[in-house]
Each structure stands twice: as C-alpha cells, then as structure tokens.
N, C-alpha and C. Protein backbone atom coordinates (compact mmCIF):
# COMPACT_ATOMS: atom_id res chain seq x y z
N MET A 1 25.10 -9.56 -10.88
CA MET A 1 25.08 -9.07 -9.77
C MET A 1 27.06 -8.29 -9.91
N ILE A 2 26.96 -7.35 -8.41
CA ILE A 2 27.72 -6.52 -8.59
C ILE A 2 28.15 -7.31 -7.19
N THR A 3 29.36 -7.36 -6.84
CA THR A 3 30.55 -7.98 -6.17
C THR A 3 30.53 -6.36 -5.29
N ALA A 4 30.70 -6.20 -3.41
CA ALA A 4 31.53 -5.55 -2.83
C ALA A 4 32.34 -4.85 -3.01
N ASN A 5 33.55 -5.60 -3.61
CA ASN A 5 34.53 -4.64 -4.69
C ASN A 5 34.12 -3.77 -5.02
N ASP A 6 33.33 -4.23 -6.08
CA ASP A 6 32.55 -3.18 -7.47
C ASP A 6 31.57 -2.28 -6.90
N LEU A 7 31.12 -2.10 -5.84
CA LEU A 7 30.76 -1.22 -5.79
C LEU A 7 31.64 -0.08 -4.56
N LYS A 8 32.33 -0.89 -4.24
CA LYS A 8 33.42 0.48 -3.32
C LYS A 8 34.30 0.76 -4.50
N VAL A 9 34.83 0.40 -5.59
CA VAL A 9 35.86 0.78 -6.47
C VAL A 9 34.51 2.36 -7.41
N LYS A 10 33.54 1.29 -7.84
CA LYS A 10 32.79 1.38 -9.09
C LYS A 10 31.82 2.77 -8.72
N GLY A 11 31.34 2.53 -6.94
CA GLY A 11 30.22 3.05 -6.12
C GLY A 11 28.64 3.36 -7.61
N ILE A 12 28.15 4.10 -7.84
CA ILE A 12 26.93 4.84 -8.27
C ILE A 12 26.67 4.24 -9.78
N LYS A 13 28.22 3.95 -10.30
CA LYS A 13 27.79 3.49 -11.66
C LYS A 13 27.34 1.99 -11.46
N ALA A 14 28.22 1.19 -10.67
CA ALA A 14 27.87 0.29 -10.91
C ALA A 14 26.64 0.30 -10.52
N ILE A 15 25.85 0.57 -9.81
CA ILE A 15 23.91 0.26 -10.20
C ILE A 15 23.96 0.02 -10.79
N GLU A 16 23.72 1.52 -11.34
CA GLU A 16 23.05 2.47 -12.65
C GLU A 16 23.54 1.42 -13.93
N LYS A 17 24.63 0.52 -13.98
CA LYS A 17 25.06 -0.37 -14.47
C LYS A 17 23.98 -1.68 -15.20
N GLU A 18 23.71 -2.12 -13.32
CA GLU A 18 23.29 -3.42 -13.16
C GLU A 18 21.32 -3.24 -13.33
N LEU A 19 21.13 -2.04 -13.32
CA LEU A 19 19.71 -1.69 -13.00
C LEU A 19 19.76 -1.54 -14.94
N GLN A 20 20.32 -0.90 -15.90
CA GLN A 20 20.15 -1.22 -17.15
C GLN A 20 19.48 -2.44 -17.28
N GLU A 21 19.75 -3.35 -16.92
CA GLU A 21 20.46 -4.17 -17.64
C GLU A 21 19.16 -5.35 -16.92
N ARG A 22 18.81 -5.90 -15.55
CA ARG A 22 17.26 -6.07 -14.60
C ARG A 22 16.82 -5.15 -14.04
N ASP A 23 16.12 -5.17 -12.89
CA ASP A 23 15.13 -4.96 -12.14
C ASP A 23 15.72 -4.54 -11.17
N GLU A 24 16.48 -5.10 -10.82
CA GLU A 24 17.59 -5.20 -9.01
C GLU A 24 18.75 -5.05 -9.86
N ALA A 25 19.66 -4.53 -8.85
CA ALA A 25 20.29 -5.33 -8.38
C ALA A 25 21.37 -5.19 -7.46
N ILE A 26 21.96 -7.39 -7.47
CA ILE A 26 22.09 -7.75 -6.26
C ILE A 26 23.33 -7.09 -6.13
N ILE A 27 23.93 -6.79 -4.86
CA ILE A 27 25.07 -6.69 -4.20
C ILE A 27 25.39 -7.76 -3.57
N SER A 28 26.61 -8.58 -3.72
CA SER A 28 26.98 -9.52 -3.54
C SER A 28 28.62 -9.63 -2.36
N PHE A 29 28.35 -9.56 -1.09
CA PHE A 29 29.72 -10.07 -0.50
C PHE A 29 30.53 -11.13 0.35
N ARG A 30 31.10 -11.20 -0.26
CA ARG A 30 32.23 -12.64 0.26
C ARG A 30 31.44 -13.68 -0.36
N GLY A 31 31.54 -13.14 -1.61
CA GLY A 31 30.74 -14.51 -2.65
C GLY A 31 29.22 -14.74 -2.26
N LYS A 32 28.82 -14.46 -1.26
CA LYS A 32 26.77 -14.60 -1.44
C LYS A 32 25.90 -13.10 -1.61
N PRO A 33 25.06 -13.94 -2.06
CA PRO A 33 23.89 -12.14 -2.19
C PRO A 33 23.85 -11.22 -1.12
N LYS A 34 23.51 -10.31 -0.67
CA LYS A 34 23.98 -9.72 1.07
C LYS A 34 22.45 -8.80 0.45
N TYR A 35 22.49 -7.47 -0.52
CA TYR A 35 21.81 -7.07 -0.64
C TYR A 35 21.10 -6.61 -1.75
N ILE A 36 19.66 -6.69 -1.94
CA ILE A 36 18.88 -5.98 -3.51
C ILE A 36 18.76 -4.61 -3.42
N VAL A 37 19.48 -3.44 -4.72
CA VAL A 37 18.93 -1.94 -4.77
C VAL A 37 18.08 -2.51 -6.24
N LEU A 38 17.08 -1.71 -5.60
CA LEU A 38 15.70 -1.46 -6.65
C LEU A 38 15.42 0.06 -7.56
N GLY A 39 15.41 -0.02 -8.11
CA GLY A 39 14.58 1.20 -8.93
C GLY A 39 13.73 2.28 -8.37
N ILE A 40 13.26 3.62 -7.67
CA ILE A 40 12.52 4.13 -7.17
C ILE A 40 11.35 3.66 -8.08
N GLU A 41 11.28 3.49 -9.26
CA GLU A 41 9.71 3.31 -9.87
C GLU A 41 9.48 1.76 -9.43
N LYS A 42 9.99 0.58 -9.59
CA LYS A 42 10.40 -1.06 -8.78
C LYS A 42 9.89 -1.26 -7.06
N TYR A 43 10.53 -0.03 -6.64
CA TYR A 43 9.96 0.04 -5.37
C TYR A 43 8.64 0.83 -5.00
N ASP A 44 8.10 1.81 -6.03
CA ASP A 44 6.99 2.57 -5.35
C ASP A 44 5.95 0.97 -6.32
N ARG A 45 6.00 0.51 -7.15
CA ARG A 45 5.22 -0.18 -7.76
C ARG A 45 4.71 -1.79 -6.38
N ILE A 46 5.67 -1.81 -5.94
CA ILE A 46 5.57 -3.26 -5.17
C ILE A 46 5.04 -2.59 -3.58
N ARG A 47 5.32 -1.05 -3.13
CA ARG A 47 4.42 -1.11 -2.16
C ARG A 47 3.38 -0.39 -2.20
N ALA A 48 3.29 0.02 -3.79
CA ALA A 48 1.55 0.47 -4.01
C ALA A 48 0.77 -1.32 -3.92
N LEU A 49 1.70 -2.64 -4.55
CA LEU A 49 0.75 -3.42 -4.19
C LEU A 49 0.81 -4.77 -2.93
N GLU A 50 1.73 -3.90 -1.96
CA GLU A 50 1.42 -4.34 -0.74
C GLU A 50 0.90 -4.10 -0.13
N LEU A 51 0.22 -2.26 -0.19
CA LEU A 51 -0.53 -1.82 0.23
C LEU A 51 -1.78 -1.65 0.05
N ASP A 52 -2.36 -2.76 -1.13
CA ASP A 52 -3.79 -2.91 -1.95
C ASP A 52 -3.46 -4.28 -1.44
N LEU A 53 -2.82 -4.71 -0.80
CA LEU A 53 -2.69 -6.48 -0.20
C LEU A 53 -3.56 -5.98 1.16
N LEU A 54 -2.79 -5.27 1.95
CA LEU A 54 -3.15 -4.77 3.49
C LEU A 54 -4.88 -4.68 3.01
N TYR A 55 -5.38 -3.37 2.59
CA TYR A 55 -6.37 -3.32 2.43
C TYR A 55 -7.19 -4.20 2.01
N LEU A 56 -7.51 -5.12 0.77
CA LEU A 56 -7.67 -6.27 1.12
C LEU A 56 -8.14 -7.09 2.00
N GLN A 57 -7.20 -7.40 2.30
CA GLN A 57 -6.85 -7.98 3.78
C GLN A 57 -7.78 -7.51 5.00
N ALA A 58 -7.75 -6.64 5.29
CA ALA A 58 -8.64 -5.58 5.95
C ALA A 58 -9.79 -5.72 5.80
N GLN A 59 -10.33 -5.29 4.68
CA GLN A 59 -11.83 -5.22 3.70
C GLN A 59 -12.31 -7.03 4.30
N GLU A 60 -11.36 -7.83 4.24
CA GLU A 60 -11.99 -9.64 4.56
C GLU A 60 -12.01 -9.29 6.26
N GLU A 61 -10.95 -8.82 6.77
CA GLU A 61 -11.29 -9.15 8.18
C GLU A 61 -12.80 -8.40 8.40
N ILE A 62 -12.63 -7.73 7.94
CA ILE A 62 -14.26 -6.17 8.41
C ILE A 62 -15.29 -7.48 7.95
N LYS A 63 -15.02 -8.07 7.15
CA LYS A 63 -16.89 -8.94 6.36
C LYS A 63 -16.61 -10.33 7.76
N SER A 64 -15.43 -10.67 7.88
CA SER A 64 -15.91 -11.57 8.69
C SER A 64 -15.58 -11.73 10.25
N GLY A 65 -15.53 -9.99 10.35
CA GLY A 65 -16.26 -9.65 12.14
C GLY A 65 -14.67 -9.23 13.18
N LYS A 66 -13.64 -10.01 11.75
CA LYS A 66 -12.82 -10.00 12.96
C LYS A 66 -11.77 -8.72 13.46
N ALA A 67 -12.35 -7.73 12.38
CA ALA A 67 -12.26 -6.27 12.92
C ALA A 67 -13.40 -5.79 12.67
N ILE A 68 -13.42 -4.36 13.37
CA ILE A 68 -14.39 -3.33 13.02
C ILE A 68 -13.96 -1.83 12.49
N ARG A 69 -15.28 -1.45 12.65
CA ARG A 69 -14.56 -0.45 11.28
C ARG A 69 -15.16 1.54 12.65
N ILE A 70 -14.03 1.88 12.72
CA ILE A 70 -14.14 3.43 13.51
C ILE A 70 -13.90 4.52 12.99
N SER A 71 -15.19 5.48 12.82
CA SER A 71 -15.45 6.13 11.92
C SER A 71 -15.76 7.53 12.76
N THR A 72 -16.38 7.27 14.54
CA THR A 72 -16.16 8.97 15.40
C THR A 72 -15.25 8.86 16.42
N LYS A 73 -14.82 9.70 16.88
CA LYS A 73 -14.59 9.39 17.43
C LYS A 73 -14.62 9.24 19.35
N LYS A 74 -15.96 9.48 18.92
CA LYS A 74 -16.69 8.29 20.44
C LYS A 74 -17.15 6.81 19.93
N GLU A 75 -17.26 6.44 18.40
CA GLU A 75 -16.96 4.96 18.48
C GLU A 75 -15.66 4.34 19.16
N LEU A 76 -14.45 5.50 19.17
CA LEU A 76 -13.21 5.05 19.64
C LEU A 76 -13.18 4.82 20.78
N GLU A 77 -13.76 6.27 21.20
CA GLU A 77 -13.66 5.77 23.24
C GLU A 77 -14.00 5.11 23.05
N GLU A 78 -15.09 4.63 23.02
CA GLU A 78 -15.93 3.22 23.20
C GLU A 78 -14.98 1.87 23.18
N HIS A 79 -14.63 2.25 21.50
CA HIS A 79 -13.37 0.48 21.38
C HIS A 79 -12.45 0.45 22.58
N LEU A 80 -12.23 1.68 22.83
CA LEU A 80 -10.85 1.82 23.35
C LEU A 80 -10.82 1.70 25.13
N LYS A 81 -12.16 1.85 25.63
CA LYS A 81 -13.16 1.45 26.88
C LYS A 81 -12.86 0.05 27.41
N ASN A 82 -13.43 -0.64 26.38
CA ASN A 82 -13.40 -2.00 25.84
C ASN A 82 -11.92 -2.91 25.71
N LEU A 83 -11.11 -2.07 25.24
CA LEU A 83 -10.16 -2.82 25.98
C LEU A 83 -9.83 -3.13 26.96
C-alpha cells in the first residue's frame, strides 16, 4: 500500500515499485485505502471481461424476449415509433 504522502514525495516511482510486487497499487489517504492503480495490461483484461459479460447478458435478453435485435434503419425507425 502506498500512502498519499509517499505518492507525493516519490511520485510515479512509488506506483511502479508497488506494481512490480502486486497486480494493483492501493493508495491510502489518512490511513484508509482510497484509490487503486492498475497497470494498463490488467485494466485491459478487466475491461475485456466486462465487455464479454455485457455481450452474454445482451444475448440472454434477446433469447428471453426482454430485448429485440434491430439491424436496419427501417427497424430502428419502427421501434422508435412504438416507444
């Protein structure tokens, strides 16, 4: 964990050191965890997983009839009229 003061004094070097030892760097402020810094590779993996989950949820909503698939401008216009 990096204190806000360490971050202020050491800057990015404090984050780099922490990320060499862990997957994320936690920055504390007044003794409590306040922020998490991730390396870009880890962030990209998390985002990809979130997008995969959203895609699967959308597919389930389409299958269950909770959502519709619109693939043409005409279908979109018709849907907007119905709203």
